């Protein structure tokens, strides 16, 4: 086993009646793991409320092999092209330039990686995967240079003041104020300078790309076919899947691209739980306290402070739905504002989770930065973007405590404030998640704002307004989400 397991709790029917009171009762023990699993009492089985026949959603393409080992594609392409030209000469054939399709030169090195990563030419042909290969090969729209580059504006603050303090990117010619950068610059650096927008696009472009829209039936077919092909039709244990996943991530040699329906807004596409006023709205589970549509606004002696927030913040106040397939992953991160999170597994193959207690967060970040210095140099706020994984093996070698949870259908996973967590899917599945904030979350409120300020990130809501609302519920105050948090 890669890591020791986090605790599993089985509440009695009586304990299960008040979710936040129960979570408060297990917090002292479970929080030291950063993560835990809660198995509902027998008989608690809400129906799946999403209409499978008409459900459609957009996906992301995840390059699993680039989650930890970022490939230097320019060097790899040059090496491939040299080898390819040498092979042509050995066959007595003249060297050729790369073919041009629709006005664009085909990157043969990339084409080779994509085809070989899908089992080679014959398998791609037999399984009719050329359409997928062609889609990934398509070039993204090039960054356009402004028509009048002399009308300088900072891409970060959008202001045109202090033009003498604006530095131009050597890749896209867009400008940024020296003092708007993170970290700020005192002077213009020597040599070429690349703006954070280009660095972010380059960093995220490797591991995550925009995918197509699929019906649930189409996604199921793709997911099941991929798992069947990858393991040769054999039944495999979750431990074998775990070993295969981290082998791909750690070595970065086997090119594996998967698709993931992540962060699907349940207000737009529907929740897996029955919802009052929605499909199956009259079902008894529509008003159940463990229904994630109700969780952020739970009341009572251990009520969630988010019940005072009027805005429907996706993922925080209203659940996100996740459609997973083999090796699709959720990278290391902590929740917005360091809130608690709760995830429910509706159906399908297991999800493998990893958690790190909040007390070890600084140690985790230190090891992460030392292990992936190039990624952090390119993207200092890397851990905000959910694009990088680091093996639990590496973390544990540096004395960072990591604990695991295997989440099966019908089970909840809870992550605690300030706890880093991540994981992957062992096959086709559907899950749903949302945030909540009982009063003990306030221990992390100021720390979460310091983190936003350090990385110049906007917060999702104002903590002052939240405290005013909680402390004076009779006051005629309406809490609104702010684009930023101006003071602290």
Protein backbone atom coordinates (compact mmCIF):
# COMPACT_ATOMS: atom_id res chain seq x y z
CA UNK A 1 0.00 0.00 0.00
CA UNK A 2 1.35 3.43 -1.00
CA UNK A 3 0.11 5.33 2.09
CA UNK A 4 -1.62 4.51 5.39
CA UNK A 5 -5.39 4.86 5.37
CA UNK A 6 -7.34 7.74 6.89
CA UNK A 7 -10.12 6.89 9.36
CA UNK A 8 -13.51 5.57 8.23
CA UNK A 9 -16.63 6.44 10.25
CA UNK A 10 -19.97 4.64 10.35
CA UNK A 11 -22.55 6.81 12.14
CA UNK A 12 -25.62 5.25 13.69
CA UNK A 13 -29.02 6.34 12.33
CA UNK A 14 -29.36 8.67 15.32
CA UNK A 15 -25.90 10.22 14.82
CA UNK A 16 -26.60 10.59 11.10
CA UNK A 17 -29.61 12.83 11.73
CA UNK A 18 -27.47 15.96 12.30
CA UNK A 19 -24.54 16.06 9.82
CA UNK A 20 -22.61 18.98 11.26
CA UNK A 21 -23.03 17.82 14.85
CA UNK A 22 -21.66 14.44 13.80
CA UNK A 23 -18.72 15.98 11.93
CA UNK A 24 -17.97 18.09 15.02
CA UNK A 25 -17.93 14.92 17.12
CA UNK A 26 -15.29 13.24 14.93
CA UNK A 27 -13.24 16.36 14.13
CA UNK A 28 -10.70 16.02 16.94
CA UNK A 29 -9.69 12.58 15.68
CA UNK A 30 -10.18 12.96 11.92
CA UNK A 31 -8.66 16.42 11.44
CA UNK A 32 -5.17 15.12 12.17
CA UNK A 33 -5.42 13.13 8.91
CA UNK A 34 -6.75 16.01 6.79
CA UNK A 35 -9.37 13.72 5.29
CA UNK A 36 -11.80 10.98 6.30
CA UNK A 37 -14.61 8.81 4.97
CA UNK A 38 -18.18 8.60 6.27
CA UNK A 39 -20.34 5.60 5.35
CA UNK A 40 -24.08 6.29 5.79
CA UNK A 41 -26.30 3.87 7.71
CA UNK A 42 -27.75 0.98 5.72
CA UNK A 43 -30.80 2.05 3.80
CA UNK A 44 -29.70 5.64 3.11
CA UNK A 45 -29.66 5.51 -0.68
CA UNK A 46 -30.79 8.64 -2.53
CA UNK A 47 -31.87 8.10 -6.14
CA UNK A 48 -29.68 9.51 -8.92
CA UNK A 49 -31.61 12.54 -10.13
CA UNK A 50 -29.74 13.37 -13.34
CA UNK A 51 -31.53 12.39 -16.55
CA UNK A 52 -28.86 10.15 -18.07
CA UNK A 53 -30.52 10.14 -21.50
CA UNK A 54 -30.32 13.92 -21.99
CA UNK A 55 -27.28 14.86 -19.91
CA UNK A 56 -24.49 16.55 -21.90
CA UNK A 57 -21.33 18.17 -20.57
CA UNK A 58 -18.00 19.61 -21.64
CA UNK A 59 -14.76 17.87 -20.78
CA UNK A 60 -11.10 18.63 -20.17
CA UNK A 61 -8.29 16.65 -21.74
CA UNK A 62 -5.74 15.70 -19.09
CA UNK A 63 -2.22 14.63 -20.01
CA UNK A 64 -1.55 12.31 -17.09
CA UNK A 65 2.15 11.92 -17.92
CA UNK A 66 2.67 15.69 -17.51
CA UNK A 67 1.15 16.10 -14.07
CA UNK A 68 4.58 15.75 -12.47
CA UNK A 69 7.12 15.40 -15.28
CA UNK A 70 6.75 18.38 -17.58
CA UNK A 71 8.19 17.37 -20.95
CA UNK A 72 10.56 19.76 -22.73
CA UNK A 73 8.72 19.39 -26.02
CA UNK A 74 11.00 21.67 -28.02
CA UNK A 75 14.03 19.50 -27.21
CA UNK A 76 12.00 16.31 -27.61
CA UNK A 77 10.73 17.43 -31.02
CA UNK A 78 14.22 18.31 -32.22
CA UNK A 79 15.51 14.91 -31.10
CA UNK A 80 12.62 13.14 -32.83
CA UNK A 81 13.10 15.07 -36.06
CA UNK A 82 16.83 14.32 -36.12
CA UNK A 83 16.10 10.63 -35.62
CA UNK A 84 13.38 10.64 -38.26
CA UNK A 85 15.61 12.31 -40.85
CA UNK A 86 18.41 9.83 -40.04
CA UNK A 87 15.96 6.94 -40.53
CA UNK A 88 14.90 8.35 -43.92
CA UNK A 89 18.53 8.55 -45.01
CA UNK A 90 19.16 4.96 -43.85
CA UNK A 91 16.30 3.88 -46.09
CA UNK A 92 17.81 5.69 -49.06
CA UNK A 93 15.09 8.34 -49.02
CA UNK A 94 15.57 12.06 -49.29
CA UNK A 95 15.00 14.17 -46.20
CA UNK A 96 11.63 15.87 -46.25
CA UNK A 97 10.08 18.82 -44.49
CA UNK A 98 7.07 18.14 -42.30
CA UNK A 99 3.76 17.96 -44.19
CA UNK A 100 1.47 20.99 -44.19
CA UNK A 101 -2.26 20.58 -43.52
CA UNK A 102 -4.71 23.49 -43.73
CA UNK A 103 -1.80 25.92 -43.81
CA UNK A 104 -0.13 24.54 -40.68
CA UNK A 105 2.97 22.40 -40.49
CA UNK A 106 2.23 19.08 -38.79
CA UNK A 107 4.27 18.43 -35.66
CA UNK A 108 5.37 14.87 -36.44
CA UNK A 109 6.92 14.42 -33.00
CA UNK A 110 3.62 15.25 -31.33
CA UNK A 111 1.72 13.03 -33.78
CA UNK A 112 4.08 10.14 -32.97
CA UNK A 113 3.59 10.62 -29.21
CA UNK A 114 -0.19 10.69 -29.52
CA UNK A 115 -0.39 7.61 -31.75
CA UNK A 116 2.12 5.55 -29.75
CA UNK A 117 0.38 6.54 -26.52
CA UNK A 118 -2.83 5.02 -27.87
CA UNK A 119 -1.28 1.69 -28.74
CA UNK A 120 0.28 2.43 -32.12
CA UNK A 121 -0.93 2.86 -35.68
CA UNK A 122 -2.87 -0.40 -35.96
CA UNK A 123 -4.79 0.06 -32.71
CA UNK A 124 -5.62 3.69 -33.53
CA UNK A 125 -6.91 2.55 -36.92
CA UNK A 126 -8.80 -0.49 -35.59
CA UNK A 127 -10.38 1.46 -32.73
CA UNK A 128 -11.18 4.45 -34.94
CA UNK A 129 -9.24 6.88 -32.74
CA UNK A 130 -7.94 9.11 -35.52
CA UNK A 131 -10.63 11.70 -34.85
CA UNK A 132 -9.41 12.05 -31.24
CA UNK A 133 -5.81 12.34 -32.42
CA UNK A 134 -6.76 14.99 -34.97
CA UNK A 135 -8.65 17.00 -32.37
CA UNK A 136 -5.69 17.12 -29.99
CA UNK A 137 -3.34 17.98 -32.87
CA UNK A 138 -5.32 21.08 -33.75
CA UNK A 139 -3.42 24.25 -32.93
CA UNK A 140 -4.94 26.63 -30.41
CA UNK A 141 -5.69 30.15 -31.58
CA UNK A 142 -2.53 32.23 -31.65
CA UNK A 143 -2.28 35.13 -29.27
CA UNK A 144 -3.07 38.31 -31.19
CA UNK A 145 -0.94 41.41 -30.76
CA UNK A 146 -2.98 44.59 -30.23
CA UNK A 147 -3.47 46.64 -33.40
CA UNK A 148 -1.76 49.65 -31.82
CA UNK A 149 0.94 48.45 -29.48
CA UNK A 150 1.72 52.04 -28.53
CA UNK A 151 -1.55 52.25 -26.57
CA UNK A 152 -0.08 50.37 -23.65
CA UNK A 153 -2.22 48.89 -20.92
CA UNK A 154 -1.28 46.54 -18.13
CA UNK A 155 -2.83 43.11 -18.70
CA UNK A 156 -3.07 42.58 -14.94
CA UNK A 157 -4.70 45.78 -13.66
CA UNK A 158 -5.98 46.94 -17.09
CA UNK A 159 -4.65 50.43 -16.39
CA UNK A 160 -2.65 52.59 -18.79
CA UNK A 161 -0.98 54.76 -16.16
CA UNK A 162 2.78 54.70 -15.44
CA UNK A 163 3.68 53.67 -19.00
CA UNK A 164 7.34 53.93 -18.07
CA UNK A 165 6.76 51.05 -15.62
CA UNK A 166 5.18 48.73 -18.20
CA UNK A 167 7.33 45.85 -19.45
CA UNK A 168 6.50 44.08 -22.73
CA UNK A 169 6.42 40.31 -23.04
CA UNK A 170 8.92 38.93 -25.57
CA UNK A 171 6.41 36.27 -26.64
CA UNK A 172 3.10 38.11 -27.05
CA UNK A 173 4.05 41.82 -26.84
CA UNK A 174 1.46 42.41 -24.12
CA UNK A 175 2.45 44.66 -21.24
CA UNK A 176 2.43 44.42 -17.45
CA UNK A 177 3.32 46.94 -14.76
CA UNK A 178 6.48 45.98 -12.92
CA UNK A 179 4.65 46.51 -9.62
CA UNK A 180 1.64 44.39 -10.67
CA UNK A 181 3.73 41.26 -11.13
CA UNK A 182 3.94 38.48 -8.55
CA UNK A 183 6.50 38.96 -7.17
CA UNK A 184 6.88 42.64 -8.17
CA UNK A 185 9.97 43.70 -10.11
CA UNK A 186 12.05 46.76 -9.26
CA UNK A 187 13.70 47.04 -12.68
CA UNK A 188 13.35 45.57 -16.16
CA UNK A 189 15.24 42.24 -16.16
CA UNK A 190 18.04 41.57 -18.63
CA UNK A 191 17.39 39.27 -21.58
CA UNK A 192 14.03 37.93 -22.71
CA UNK A 193 11.07 38.29 -20.38
CA UNK A 194 7.87 36.22 -20.58
CA UNK A 195 4.67 37.53 -19.00
CA UNK A 196 2.68 35.53 -16.42
CA UNK A 197 -0.16 35.05 -18.92
CA UNK A 198 2.13 33.27 -21.37
CA UNK A 199 3.80 31.31 -18.56
CA UNK A 200 0.43 30.21 -17.25
CA UNK A 201 -0.80 29.22 -20.71
CA UNK A 202 2.37 27.20 -21.28
CA UNK A 203 2.19 25.54 -17.87
CA UNK A 204 -1.51 24.67 -18.02
CA UNK A 205 -1.46 23.80 -21.70
CA UNK A 206 0.67 20.75 -21.02
CA UNK A 207 -1.51 18.95 -18.53
CA UNK A 208 -4.99 20.31 -19.29
CA UNK A 209 -6.71 21.22 -22.53
CA UNK A 210 -10.28 22.00 -23.46
CA UNK A 211 -12.17 18.89 -24.55
CA UNK A 212 -15.36 18.21 -26.48
CA UNK A 213 -18.93 18.05 -25.27
CA UNK A 214 -20.32 14.55 -24.81
CA UNK A 215 -23.56 12.90 -23.85
CA UNK A 216 -23.29 10.68 -20.80
CA UNK A 217 -23.71 7.61 -23.02
CA UNK A 218 -20.83 8.74 -25.26
CA UNK A 219 -18.61 9.44 -22.25
CA UNK A 220 -19.40 6.05 -20.73
CA UNK A 221 -18.43 4.33 -23.98
CA UNK A 222 -15.12 6.19 -24.19
CA UNK A 223 -14.30 5.57 -20.52
CA UNK A 224 -15.14 1.86 -20.59
CA UNK A 225 -13.30 1.27 -23.87
CA UNK A 226 -10.18 3.05 -22.58
CA UNK A 227 -10.02 1.03 -19.36
CA UNK A 228 -10.66 -2.20 -21.26
CA UNK A 229 -7.86 -1.45 -23.76
CA UNK A 230 -5.39 -0.22 -21.15
CA UNK A 231 -5.61 -3.32 -18.99
CA UNK A 232 -6.22 -5.73 -21.87
CA UNK A 233 -9.75 -6.55 -20.76
CA UNK A 234 -8.57 -7.95 -17.42
CA UNK A 235 -10.18 -7.23 -14.07
CA UNK A 236 -7.77 -5.22 -11.93
CA UNK A 237 -7.78 -4.19 -8.28
CA UNK A 238 -7.70 -0.57 -7.20
CA UNK A 239 -4.18 -1.16 -5.89
CA UNK A 240 -3.06 -2.18 -9.40
CA UNK A 241 -4.72 0.93 -10.84
CA UNK A 242 -3.00 3.07 -8.20
CA UNK A 243 0.40 1.61 -9.07
CA UNK A 244 -0.21 2.17 -12.80
CA UNK A 245 -1.35 5.77 -12.26
CA UNK A 246 1.68 6.82 -10.25
CA UNK A 247 4.02 5.01 -12.63
CA UNK A 248 2.69 7.19 -15.46
CA UNK A 249 2.91 10.34 -13.35
CA UNK A 250 6.34 9.70 -11.86
CA UNK A 251 8.12 8.44 -14.98
CA UNK A 252 6.37 10.62 -17.57
CA UNK A 253 7.42 8.24 -20.35
CA UNK A 254 4.06 6.74 -21.36
CA UNK A 255 1.88 9.35 -23.10
CA UNK A 256 -1.61 9.04 -21.63
CA UNK A 257 -4.41 11.53 -22.32
CA UNK A 258 -7.81 11.12 -20.67
CA UNK A 259 -10.96 13.23 -20.49
CA UNK A 260 -12.70 14.45 -17.37
CA UNK A 261 -16.04 16.14 -16.80
CA UNK A 262 -14.86 18.35 -13.93
CA UNK A 263 -16.51 21.27 -12.12
CA UNK A 264 -19.88 20.79 -13.84
CA UNK A 265 -22.26 23.44 -12.48
CA UNK A 266 -25.25 21.65 -10.98
CA UNK A 267 -27.43 24.76 -11.34
CA UNK A 268 -26.98 24.59 -15.11
CA UNK A 269 -26.67 20.85 -15.76
CA UNK A 270 -28.43 19.30 -12.79
CA UNK A 271 -27.48 17.70 -9.50
CA UNK A 272 -27.22 14.00 -8.82
CA UNK A 273 -29.36 14.57 -5.72
CA UNK A 274 -33.11 15.27 -5.93
CA UNK A 275 -33.69 19.00 -5.59
CA UNK A 276 -36.77 20.88 -4.41
CA UNK A 277 -38.46 22.32 -7.47
CA UNK A 278 -36.40 20.17 -9.81
CA UNK A 279 -36.45 16.66 -11.18
CA UNK A 280 -37.58 14.24 -8.43
CA UNK A 281 -38.30 17.33 -6.32
CA UNK A 282 -40.98 15.54 -4.32
CA UNK A 283 -38.61 12.74 -3.34
CA UNK A 284 -37.95 12.45 0.40
CA UNK A 285 -34.22 12.97 -0.20
CA UNK A 286 -34.78 16.44 -1.73
CA UNK A 287 -34.80 17.96 1.75
CA UNK A 288 -32.40 15.51 3.39
CA UNK A 289 -29.68 17.20 5.43
CA UNK A 290 -26.95 15.07 3.79
CA UNK A 291 -28.18 16.15 0.34
CA UNK A 292 -25.28 18.32 -0.88
CA UNK A 293 -27.66 20.94 -2.29
CA UNK A 294 -28.66 21.67 1.32
CA UNK A 295 -25.29 21.20 3.04
CA UNK A 296 -23.73 24.71 2.83
CA UNK A 297 -26.81 26.27 4.46
CA UNK A 298 -27.40 23.78 7.27
CA UNK A 299 -28.57 25.37 10.52
CA UNK A 300 -28.56 24.25 14.13
CA UNK A 301 -26.08 24.45 16.98
CA UNK A 302 -23.26 23.47 14.60
CA UNK A 303 -24.71 25.26 11.57
CA UNK A 304 -22.69 26.28 8.52
CA UNK A 305 -21.79 29.97 8.44
CA UNK A 306 -22.33 29.91 4.69
CA UNK A 307 -26.09 29.84 5.30
CA UNK A 308 -25.84 33.64 5.43
CA UNK A 309 -24.41 33.90 1.91
CA UNK A 310 -27.11 34.83 -0.61
CA UNK A 311 -25.06 34.31 -3.76
CA UNK A 312 -24.97 30.98 -5.60
CA UNK A 313 -21.20 30.52 -5.86
CA UNK A 314 -20.53 27.42 -8.01
CA UNK A 315 -18.63 24.75 -6.12
CA UNK A 316 -18.98 26.61 -2.82
CA UNK A 317 -22.71 27.26 -2.34
CA UNK A 318 -24.02 24.97 -5.07
CA UNK A 319 -22.44 21.58 -5.82
CA UNK A 320 -20.16 20.73 -8.68
CA UNK A 321 -20.65 17.39 -10.43
CA UNK A 322 -17.71 15.27 -11.64
CA UNK A 323 -17.79 12.64 -14.39
CA UNK A 324 -14.57 10.63 -14.19
CA UNK A 325 -12.77 7.94 -16.14
CA UNK A 326 -9.67 5.85 -15.53
CA UNK A 327 -6.66 8.02 -14.50
CA UNK A 328 -8.59 11.32 -14.60
CA UNK A 329 -7.38 13.23 -11.58
CA UNK A 330 -7.88 16.12 -9.21
CA UNK A 331 -4.50 17.65 -8.41
CA UNK A 332 -3.18 18.71 -5.01
CA UNK A 333 -5.06 21.73 -3.64
CA UNK A 334 -6.82 23.22 -0.64
CA UNK A 335 -10.37 24.52 -0.82
CA UNK A 336 -11.32 28.14 -1.54
CA UNK A 337 -11.06 30.13 1.70
CA UNK A 338 -9.82 26.90 3.31
CA UNK A 339 -13.43 25.77 3.74
CA UNK A 340 -14.42 22.23 4.59
CA UNK A 341 -15.50 20.14 1.60
CA UNK A 342 -17.77 17.13 1.31
CA UNK A 343 -17.86 14.78 -1.69
CA UNK A 344 -20.49 12.13 -2.40
CA UNK A 345 -19.87 9.21 -4.78
CA UNK A 346 -23.07 8.57 -6.76
CA UNK A 347 -22.08 5.55 -8.86
CA UNK A 348 -19.27 3.82 -10.72
CA UNK A 349 -15.70 2.80 -9.98
CA UNK A 350 -13.88 3.97 -6.87
CA UNK A 351 -12.13 7.30 -6.35
CA UNK A 352 -8.71 7.21 -4.70
CA UNK A 353 -8.03 10.18 -2.42
CA UNK A 354 -4.94 11.45 -0.61
CA UNK A 355 -4.98 13.93 2.25
CA UNK A 356 -2.40 15.93 4.19
CA UNK A 357 -3.33 17.48 7.55
CA UNK A 358 -3.29 21.27 7.77
CA UNK A 359 -0.46 21.11 10.31
CA UNK A 360 1.79 19.73 7.55
CA UNK A 361 0.72 22.20 4.84
CA UNK A 362 3.93 24.26 5.03
CA UNK A 363 6.10 21.15 4.89
CA UNK A 364 4.09 19.94 1.89
CA UNK A 365 4.58 23.23 0.04
CA UNK A 366 8.31 23.24 0.77
CA UNK A 367 8.79 19.73 -0.62
CA UNK A 368 6.56 20.47 -3.61
CA UNK A 369 8.60 23.54 -4.57
CA UNK A 370 11.91 21.71 -4.20
CA UNK A 371 10.67 18.74 -6.24
CA UNK A 372 9.21 20.82 -9.08
CA UNK A 373 11.30 24.02 -9.21
CA UNK A 374 10.80 24.63 -12.93
CA UNK A 375 7.03 24.46 -12.59
CA UNK A 376 7.07 26.99 -9.73
CA UNK A 377 9.50 29.26 -11.56
CA UNK A 378 7.09 29.34 -14.48
CA UNK A 379 4.01 29.62 -12.27
CA UNK A 380 4.58 30.80 -8.66
CA UNK A 381 0.89 30.30 -7.84
CA UNK A 382 0.96 26.74 -9.19
CA UNK A 383 -0.96 25.25 -6.27
CA UNK A 384 -3.97 27.45 -7.08
CA UNK A 385 -4.35 25.92 -10.53
CA UNK A 386 -4.88 22.20 -9.82
CA UNK A 387 -2.50 21.20 -12.62
CA UNK A 388 0.32 19.40 -10.81
CA UNK A 389 0.71 16.15 -8.90
CA UNK A 390 3.57 14.96 -6.76
CA UNK A 391 3.75 11.34 -5.76
CA UNK A 392 2.93 10.47 -2.15
CA UNK A 393 6.14 8.43 -2.25
CA UNK A 394 8.19 11.60 -2.65
CA UNK A 395 6.24 13.41 0.06
CA UNK A 396 6.61 10.59 2.57
CA UNK A 397 10.34 10.32 1.83
CA UNK A 398 10.56 13.90 3.10
CA UNK A 399 8.47 13.16 6.20
CA UNK A 400 5.27 14.78 4.95
CA UNK A 401 2.33 12.76 6.36
CA UNK A 402 0.00 11.50 3.61
CA UNK A 403 -3.13 9.43 4.17
CA UNK A 404 -5.39 7.63 1.72
CA UNK A 405 -9.12 7.05 1.30
CA UNK A 406 -10.82 4.70 -1.15
CA UNK A 407 -14.28 6.11 -1.87
CA UNK A 408 -16.91 3.69 -3.16
CA UNK A 409 -20.45 4.50 -4.36
CA UNK A 410 -22.74 5.74 -1.60
CA UNK A 411 -19.88 7.05 0.55
CA UNK A 412 -18.89 10.57 1.64
CA UNK A 413 -15.36 11.98 1.82
CA UNK A 414 -14.75 15.03 4.01
CA UNK A 415 -11.69 17.27 3.77
CA UNK A 416 -10.80 19.59 6.63
CA UNK A 417 -9.83 23.29 6.52
CA UNK A 418 -6.32 23.97 5.26
CA UNK A 419 -5.75 20.33 4.32
CA UNK A 420 -4.18 19.65 0.93
CA UNK A 421 -5.85 16.82 -0.95
CA UNK A 422 -5.90 15.25 -4.39
CA UNK A 423 -6.49 11.94 -6.12
CA UNK A 424 -7.67 10.11 -9.20
CA UNK A 425 -10.47 7.95 -10.54
CA UNK A 426 -10.03 4.20 -10.98
CA UNK A 427 -12.59 4.11 -13.78
CA UNK A 428 -15.94 5.50 -14.91
CA UNK A 429 -17.78 7.23 -12.07
CA UNK A 430 -19.91 10.19 -11.01
CA UNK A 431 -19.43 12.26 -7.85
CA UNK A 432 -20.57 15.58 -6.45
CA UNK A 433 -18.98 18.06 -4.04
CA UNK A 434 -19.64 21.31 -2.19
CA UNK A 435 -18.19 23.42 0.65
CA UNK A 436 -19.41 24.21 4.15
CA UNK A 437 -18.13 26.25 7.09
CA UNK A 438 -19.10 25.48 10.69
CA UNK A 439 -17.87 27.95 13.30
CA UNK A 440 -14.57 26.13 13.89
CA UNK A 441 -13.56 27.08 10.31
CA UNK A 442 -12.91 30.63 11.60
CA UNK A 443 -9.52 29.39 12.85
CA UNK A 444 -8.43 29.40 9.19
CA UNK A 445 -10.26 32.49 7.90
CA UNK A 446 -7.44 35.01 8.37
CA UNK A 447 -4.83 32.56 7.08
CA UNK A 448 -6.83 32.00 3.90
CA UNK A 449 -7.00 35.74 3.25
CA UNK A 450 -3.26 36.12 3.86
CA UNK A 451 -2.73 33.43 1.23
CA UNK A 452 -4.91 35.26 -1.29
CA UNK A 453 -3.11 38.53 -0.57
CA UNK A 454 0.33 36.94 -0.91
CA UNK A 455 -0.50 35.65 -4.38
CA UNK A 456 -2.64 38.66 -5.36
CA UNK A 457 -5.73 36.52 -5.81
CA UNK A 458 -9.30 37.78 -5.43
CA UNK A 459 -11.32 36.18 -2.65
CA UNK A 460 -14.81 34.83 -3.25
CA UNK A 461 -16.57 36.60 -0.40
CA UNK A 462 -16.02 39.20 2.30
CA UNK A 463 -15.21 37.79 5.72
CA UNK A 464 -16.23 41.06 7.44
CA UNK A 465 -19.70 40.88 5.97
CA UNK A 466 -19.95 37.22 6.91
CA UNK A 467 -19.02 37.94 10.53
CA UNK A 468 -21.47 40.85 10.70
CA UNK A 469 -24.22 38.65 9.37
CA UNK A 470 -23.45 35.81 11.77
CA UNK A 471 -23.04 38.09 14.78
CA UNK A 472 -26.09 40.27 14.16
CA UNK A 473 -28.70 38.16 12.34
CA UNK A 474 -31.44 40.68 13.10
CA UNK A 475 -29.68 43.46 11.23
CA UNK A 476 -31.03 44.19 7.71
CA UNK A 477 -27.77 43.22 6.04
CA UNK A 478 -27.59 41.46 2.71
CA UNK A 479 -24.38 39.58 2.07
CA UNK A 480 -23.02 39.81 -1.46
CA UNK A 481 -20.06 38.19 -3.13
CA UNK A 482 -17.22 40.61 -3.84
CA UNK A 483 -14.84 40.41 -6.75
CA UNK A 484 -12.03 41.08 -4.31
CA UNK A 485 -11.33 41.52 -0.64
CA UNK A 486 -10.08 45.11 -0.26
CA UNK A 487 -9.06 45.09 3.36
CA UNK A 488 -7.91 42.74 6.08
